[in-house]
Structures are given as structure tokens and as C-alpha cells.
Protein backbone atom coordinates (compact mmCIF):
# COMPACT_ATOMS: atom_id res chain seq x y z
CA MET A 1 114.44 150.46 42.15
CA HIS A 2 118.14 150.35 42.44
CA SER A 3 120.03 152.03 40.20
CA HIS A 4 121.50 148.78 38.41
CA HIS A 5 117.87 148.20 37.52
CA PHE A 6 118.35 150.99 35.02
CA ASP A 7 120.71 149.29 32.79
CA HIS A 8 117.59 146.93 31.23
CA LEU A 9 115.43 149.86 30.52
CA LEU A 10 117.67 152.05 28.49
CA GLU A 11 117.15 150.15 25.22
CA PRO A 12 113.46 149.79 25.57
CA ALA A 13 113.02 153.44 26.37
CA VAL A 14 115.41 154.72 23.19
CA THR A 15 113.09 152.29 21.07
CA ALA A 16 109.59 153.35 22.15
CA VAL A 17 110.58 156.95 22.29
CA LEU A 18 111.98 157.28 18.93
CA GLU A 19 109.44 154.74 17.24
CA THR A 20 106.43 156.40 18.93
CA MET A 21 107.28 160.23 18.70
CA PHE A 22 110.21 160.57 16.20
CA PHE A 23 109.20 157.83 13.61
CA SER A 24 112.86 156.42 13.59
CA GLU A 25 114.62 153.65 15.54
CA PRO A 26 117.83 152.73 16.96
CA LEU A 27 120.08 150.71 14.26
CA GLY A 28 121.79 148.83 17.03
CA SER A 29 124.41 149.42 19.90
CA SER A 30 127.32 151.64 18.79
CA GLU A 31 130.29 153.15 20.92
CA PRO A 32 129.78 156.65 22.40
CA ASP A 33 130.92 159.30 19.91
CA SER A 34 133.55 161.51 21.29
CA SER A 35 133.41 164.20 18.28
CA ALA A 36 132.77 167.73 19.16
CA GLY A 37 129.76 167.77 16.86
CA LYS A 38 127.13 166.77 19.39
CA LEU A 39 124.40 168.45 21.57
CA GLU A 40 124.05 167.55 25.57
CA VAL A 41 120.96 167.65 27.54
CA ARG A 42 120.50 166.69 31.30
CA VAL A 43 117.37 166.19 33.07
CA PRO A 44 117.22 165.92 36.66
CA PHE A 45 114.89 163.43 38.35
CA SER A 46 114.02 162.73 42.28
CA GLY A 47 111.92 160.43 44.00
CA GLU A 48 112.67 156.78 45.42
CA VAL A 49 115.64 157.31 43.23
CA SER A 50 117.28 160.58 42.30
CA GLY A 51 119.62 161.61 39.84
CA VAL A 52 120.45 162.82 36.12
CA LEU A 53 119.83 161.45 32.95
CA GLU A 54 122.27 163.14 30.33
CA ILE A 55 122.04 162.31 26.51
CA ARG A 56 124.51 163.20 24.00
CA ILE A 57 123.30 163.17 20.22
CA SER A 58 125.32 163.99 17.16
CA LYS A 59 123.98 167.26 15.37
CA ALA A 60 123.38 165.41 12.42
CA SER A 61 121.17 162.98 14.24
CA ALA A 62 119.49 165.97 16.23
CA ARG A 63 118.51 167.50 13.00
CA SER A 64 117.25 164.42 11.41
CA LEU A 65 115.03 163.51 14.65
CA ALA A 66 113.99 167.23 15.00
CA ALA A 67 112.86 167.09 11.22
CA SER A 68 110.84 164.35 12.15
CA PHE A 69 109.49 165.21 15.17
CA LEU A 70 108.24 168.57 14.22
CA GLY A 71 107.32 167.26 10.57
CA GLU A 72 109.74 169.77 8.82
CA SER A 73 112.47 169.85 6.54
CA GLU A 74 115.93 169.60 8.01
CA GLU A 75 117.16 172.48 5.90
CA SER A 76 114.35 174.65 7.46
CA LEU A 77 115.20 174.13 11.38
CA THR A 78 116.77 176.49 13.33
CA GLN A 79 119.64 175.37 15.96
CA SER A 80 117.17 176.93 18.49
CA GLN A 81 114.32 174.11 17.37
CA THR A 82 116.65 171.17 17.08
CA ALA A 83 117.84 172.07 20.69
CA GLN A 84 114.56 172.37 21.88
CA VAL A 85 113.45 168.83 20.35
CA VAL A 86 116.58 167.36 21.91
CA CYS A 87 115.70 168.44 25.37
CA GLU A 88 111.99 167.30 24.87
CA LEU A 89 113.95 163.64 23.69
CA ALA A 90 115.97 163.75 26.81
CA ASN A 91 112.58 164.75 29.06
CA MET A 92 110.31 161.64 27.19
CA LEU A 93 113.45 159.49 27.71
CA CYS A 94 113.83 160.12 31.42
CA GLY A 95 110.04 159.89 32.13
CA TRP A 96 109.63 156.48 30.42
CA ILE A 97 112.73 155.20 32.29
CA VAL A 98 111.68 156.36 35.77
CA SER A 99 108.13 155.40 35.27
CA LYS A 100 108.58 151.76 34.39
CA PRO A 101 106.90 148.91 36.50
CA GLY A 102 109.10 148.38 39.61
CA SER A 103 109.73 152.08 40.70
CA GLN A 104 107.28 152.57 43.32
CA GLY A 105 106.12 155.95 44.70
CA SER A 106 106.34 159.01 42.23
CA PHE A 107 109.06 160.82 40.54
CA ASP A 108 109.47 164.65 39.86
CA LEU A 109 111.61 165.53 36.77
CA GLY A 110 113.23 168.65 36.36
CA SER A 111 113.64 170.96 33.35
CA PRO A 112 115.96 169.53 30.48
CA GLU A 113 118.98 171.70 30.37
CA LEU A 114 121.21 172.17 27.07
CA LEU A 115 124.78 171.71 28.40
CA SER A 116 127.42 174.03 26.97
CA PRO A 117 131.26 173.35 27.60
CA GLU A 118 131.10 175.49 30.78
CA ASN A 119 128.40 173.41 32.32
CA ASP A 120 129.82 170.96 35.34
CA ARG A 121 129.42 167.50 34.49
CA PRO A 122 128.00 164.87 36.94
CA ILE A 123 130.42 163.78 39.42
CA GLY A 124 131.35 160.22 39.18
CA VAL A 125 130.75 157.33 37.10
CA PRO A 126 127.24 156.78 35.45
CA ALA A 127 125.16 153.87 36.91
CA SER A 128 124.03 152.84 33.49
CA GLN A 129 125.31 153.98 30.12
CA GLN A 130 124.74 152.79 26.56
CA SER A 131 124.81 154.20 23.26
CA PHE A 132 122.82 153.54 19.99
CA ALA A 133 123.55 154.01 16.39
CA VAL A 134 120.56 156.26 15.00
CA GLU A 135 120.25 157.83 11.75
CA ASN A 136 123.29 159.85 10.67
CA GLY A 137 125.15 159.28 14.04
CA THR A 138 124.93 158.15 17.90
CA LEU A 139 122.88 158.79 20.64
CA THR A 140 124.19 158.00 24.12
CA LEU A 141 122.38 157.91 27.30
CA SER A 142 124.23 158.14 30.80
CA LEU A 143 122.28 158.02 33.99
CA TYR A 144 123.73 159.22 37.29
CA SER A 145 121.58 158.04 40.18
CA SER A 146 121.26 157.32 43.92
CA VAL A 147 118.88 155.71 46.11
CA ALA A 148 116.77 158.01 48.56
CA ALA A 149 117.44 157.72 52.30
């Protein structure tokens, strides 16, 4: 699977994962949110295609999704719980994308990593990137990839 084949997988991945695991749904395409109030998570993957999936989600959206996922009220969640759920969201999205028909061989997913401002950013332009309006904000997926030699 070449990196440009990921474009058509981002929207179905977001829809499937949000509906199945978070009892939510994307509200349509959106522009990326450049505000400071967001969480960012990176998940490396390797196989026929290797790379990194990075997600950015507004903090308000992260809390809302975490509450749905955990069956808790937003007010009862800690920042740590919300961050852990966003890491799991990134892991599920990455797994969904790399395991779709058309991919050959097996993939290994790395551990999701919550990014801080000090973390290095992937170099270059994402092979695929899409943003979605979700409850209380925006979710952006950026996929950086390369075909294994």
C-alpha cells in the first residue's frame, strides 16, 4: 500500500472508531484547529509501509470523547484519564488504517506517545491529512509514511 492510498481511509477510520468505541460521530470536514488548547498524540507503525500517525484534538473534544468512552461525566475525568483515552483513540485509528484490505503483510504499531511542545515533529509534509468537526471542536489526522524497501 502506497502512502497516497491512505487518503481514502482517514474518513472511514474516524467514522468507524468514533461510532463503535466512543458513541459519537464526525460532524463533517473541518479546517485544522491551530489554537493552543489541544492534545497531540503520535503512533509509529512499521511494515510494508512505515510511518507515524499523529492526531490533534481540541481539549474540549478530548474530554467529551473520553467521557463517552469511559462512561463517566466530563467533570469527573482527570487530565491523565483524558490523555490516556486520546492515546487509545490514536492507537485504534492507526490500527484501523493500516489493517484495511489492500495492505499486505503485517504491521507493528508502536506505543502511542502524548506530545508536548518540546517533542520533535515529523519532518516533511504529511502524506495524508484530514480534519473533522467533532463534538466541541476538531480532530485532525496527519499520516507521515514511506514505503519499505
